[in-house]
Amino acid sequence: MLISELARKTGVSKDTIRHYQELGLLTVNKQQAGSRFYNSFPKQNIDRIETIILGKSMGFSLREIASLLDAYFSGKLSAEQQIEIFEEKLAIIEQRIKDLKKTRAYITEKLVILRSR
């Protein structure tokens, strides 16, 4: 399928698809039409993009996703490896929550002081 169809089916922009392609996250076939070459995106890229979006929503960077995506889709990422990856990500998220709670407490305290003046 052409990039416009992939964008329509996944709800991401063509620029985003191009960026994912540049990072090696998507599989692309070159297709010739006359003297021009076009990128043809196999159907499996829909699942790959959905997985990328899900990974980003869980706090994974595109670099992290790139290092795991092929292993995940090829079945080479064991359940134990996935558990370890998610446990590490969860620990990072829990630390961020603690940090944000401290920041919230500080801001709340500052507001109380400022409003009492």
Protein backbone atom coordinates (compact mmCIF):
# COMPACT_ATOMS: atom_id res chain seq x y z
CA MET A 1 0.00 0.00 0.00
CA LEU A 2 1.11 3.56 -0.56
CA ILE A 3 2.01 5.89 2.27
CA SER A 4 -1.29 7.80 2.05
CA GLU A 5 -3.29 4.61 2.57
CA LEU A 6 -1.08 3.53 5.47
CA ALA A 7 -1.49 6.97 7.05
CA ARG A 8 -5.26 6.79 6.65
CA LYS A 9 -5.48 3.27 8.11
CA THR A 10 -3.27 4.03 11.12
CA GLY A 11 -4.24 7.62 11.84
CA VAL A 12 -0.66 8.87 11.77
CA SER A 13 0.73 11.47 9.41
CA LYS A 14 2.80 10.70 6.34
CA ASP A 15 5.67 12.58 7.99
CA THR A 16 5.46 10.25 10.99
CA ILE A 17 5.50 7.22 8.69
CA ARG A 18 8.55 8.62 6.88
CA HIS A 19 10.26 9.19 10.23
CA TYR A 20 9.51 5.61 11.33
CA GLN A 21 10.80 4.40 7.98
CA GLU A 22 14.05 6.38 8.40
CA LEU A 23 14.51 4.78 11.83
CA GLY A 24 14.06 1.32 10.32
CA LEU A 25 10.82 0.63 12.18
CA LEU A 26 8.81 -0.20 9.08
CA THR A 27 9.31 -2.62 6.23
CA VAL A 28 9.27 -1.02 2.80
CA ASN A 29 9.39 -2.38 -0.72
CA LYS A 30 10.44 -0.23 -3.67
CA GLN A 31 7.93 -0.35 -6.46
CA GLN A 32 8.57 1.01 -9.93
CA ALA A 33 5.92 2.84 -11.87
CA GLY A 34 7.33 4.02 -15.15
CA SER A 35 10.59 5.78 -14.46
CA ARG A 36 9.73 6.55 -10.82
CA PHE A 37 10.12 4.44 -7.71
CA TYR A 38 7.58 4.45 -4.92
CA ASN A 39 7.65 3.05 -1.42
CA SER A 40 5.17 0.26 -0.99
CA PHE A 41 4.33 -0.56 2.62
CA PRO A 42 3.28 -4.16 3.33
CA LYS A 43 0.13 -4.68 5.42
CA GLN A 44 2.09 -5.78 8.51
CA ASN A 45 3.17 -2.17 8.97
CA ILE A 46 -0.30 -1.43 10.34
CA ASP A 47 0.41 -3.73 13.30
CA ARG A 48 3.93 -2.32 13.62
CA ILE A 49 2.65 1.26 13.78
CA GLU A 50 -0.02 0.31 16.31
CA THR A 51 2.68 -1.35 18.42
CA ILE A 52 4.93 1.72 18.12
CA ILE A 53 2.09 3.98 19.27
CA LEU A 54 1.32 1.66 22.18
CA GLY A 55 5.01 1.50 23.13
CA LYS A 56 5.27 5.29 23.07
CA SER A 57 2.16 5.57 25.26
CA MET A 58 3.88 3.32 27.81
CA GLY A 59 6.90 5.59 27.90
CA PHE A 60 9.23 3.73 25.55
CA SER A 61 11.42 5.89 23.34
CA LEU A 62 11.59 5.24 19.62
CA ARG A 63 15.16 4.04 20.15
CA GLU A 64 13.95 1.49 22.70
CA ILE A 65 11.10 0.43 20.43
CA ALA A 66 13.49 0.06 17.48
CA SER A 67 15.70 -2.28 19.48
CA LEU A 68 12.76 -4.53 20.37
CA LEU A 69 10.30 -4.36 17.49
CA ASP A 70 11.77 -6.95 15.13
CA ALA A 71 12.43 -9.40 17.97
CA TYR A 72 8.85 -8.97 19.18
CA PHE A 73 7.27 -9.54 15.76
CA SER A 74 9.54 -12.47 14.93
CA GLY A 75 8.69 -14.20 18.21
CA LYS A 76 12.29 -14.03 19.41
CA LEU A 77 11.40 -11.97 22.47
CA SER A 78 10.60 -14.48 25.20
CA ALA A 79 7.96 -13.94 27.85
CA GLU A 80 10.75 -13.69 30.44
CA GLN A 81 12.47 -10.97 28.42
CA GLN A 82 9.20 -9.09 28.04
CA ILE A 83 8.57 -9.32 31.80
CA GLU A 84 12.04 -7.91 32.50
CA ILE A 85 11.51 -5.05 30.04
CA PHE A 86 8.12 -4.14 31.52
CA GLU A 87 9.40 -4.41 35.10
CA GLU A 88 12.23 -2.00 34.28
CA LYS A 89 9.81 0.42 32.60
CA LEU A 90 7.42 0.18 35.57
CA ALA A 91 10.24 1.01 38.00
CA ILE A 92 11.09 4.11 35.95
CA ILE A 93 7.44 5.18 35.88
CA GLU A 94 7.08 4.67 39.63
CA GLN A 95 10.15 6.86 40.22
CA ARG A 96 8.69 9.55 37.97
CA ILE A 97 5.44 9.43 39.95
CA LYS A 98 7.38 9.91 43.20
CA ASP A 99 9.26 12.83 41.68
CA LEU A 100 6.04 14.41 40.40
CA LYS A 101 4.40 14.04 43.82
CA LYS A 102 7.33 15.89 45.39
CA THR A 103 7.04 18.61 42.78
CA ARG A 104 3.29 18.86 43.35
CA ALA A 105 3.81 19.16 47.12
CA TYR A 106 6.39 21.89 46.63
CA ILE A 107 4.16 23.88 44.27
CA THR A 108 1.15 23.43 46.55
CA GLU A 109 3.19 24.70 49.51
CA LYS A 110 4.40 27.70 47.49
CA LEU A 111 0.83 28.53 46.48
CA VAL A 112 -0.33 28.40 50.11
CA ILE A 113 2.47 30.79 51.10
CA LEU A 114 1.86 33.15 48.20
CA ARG A 115 -1.92 33.24 48.73
CA SER A 116 -1.55 33.93 52.44
CA ARG A 117 0.35 37.18 51.82
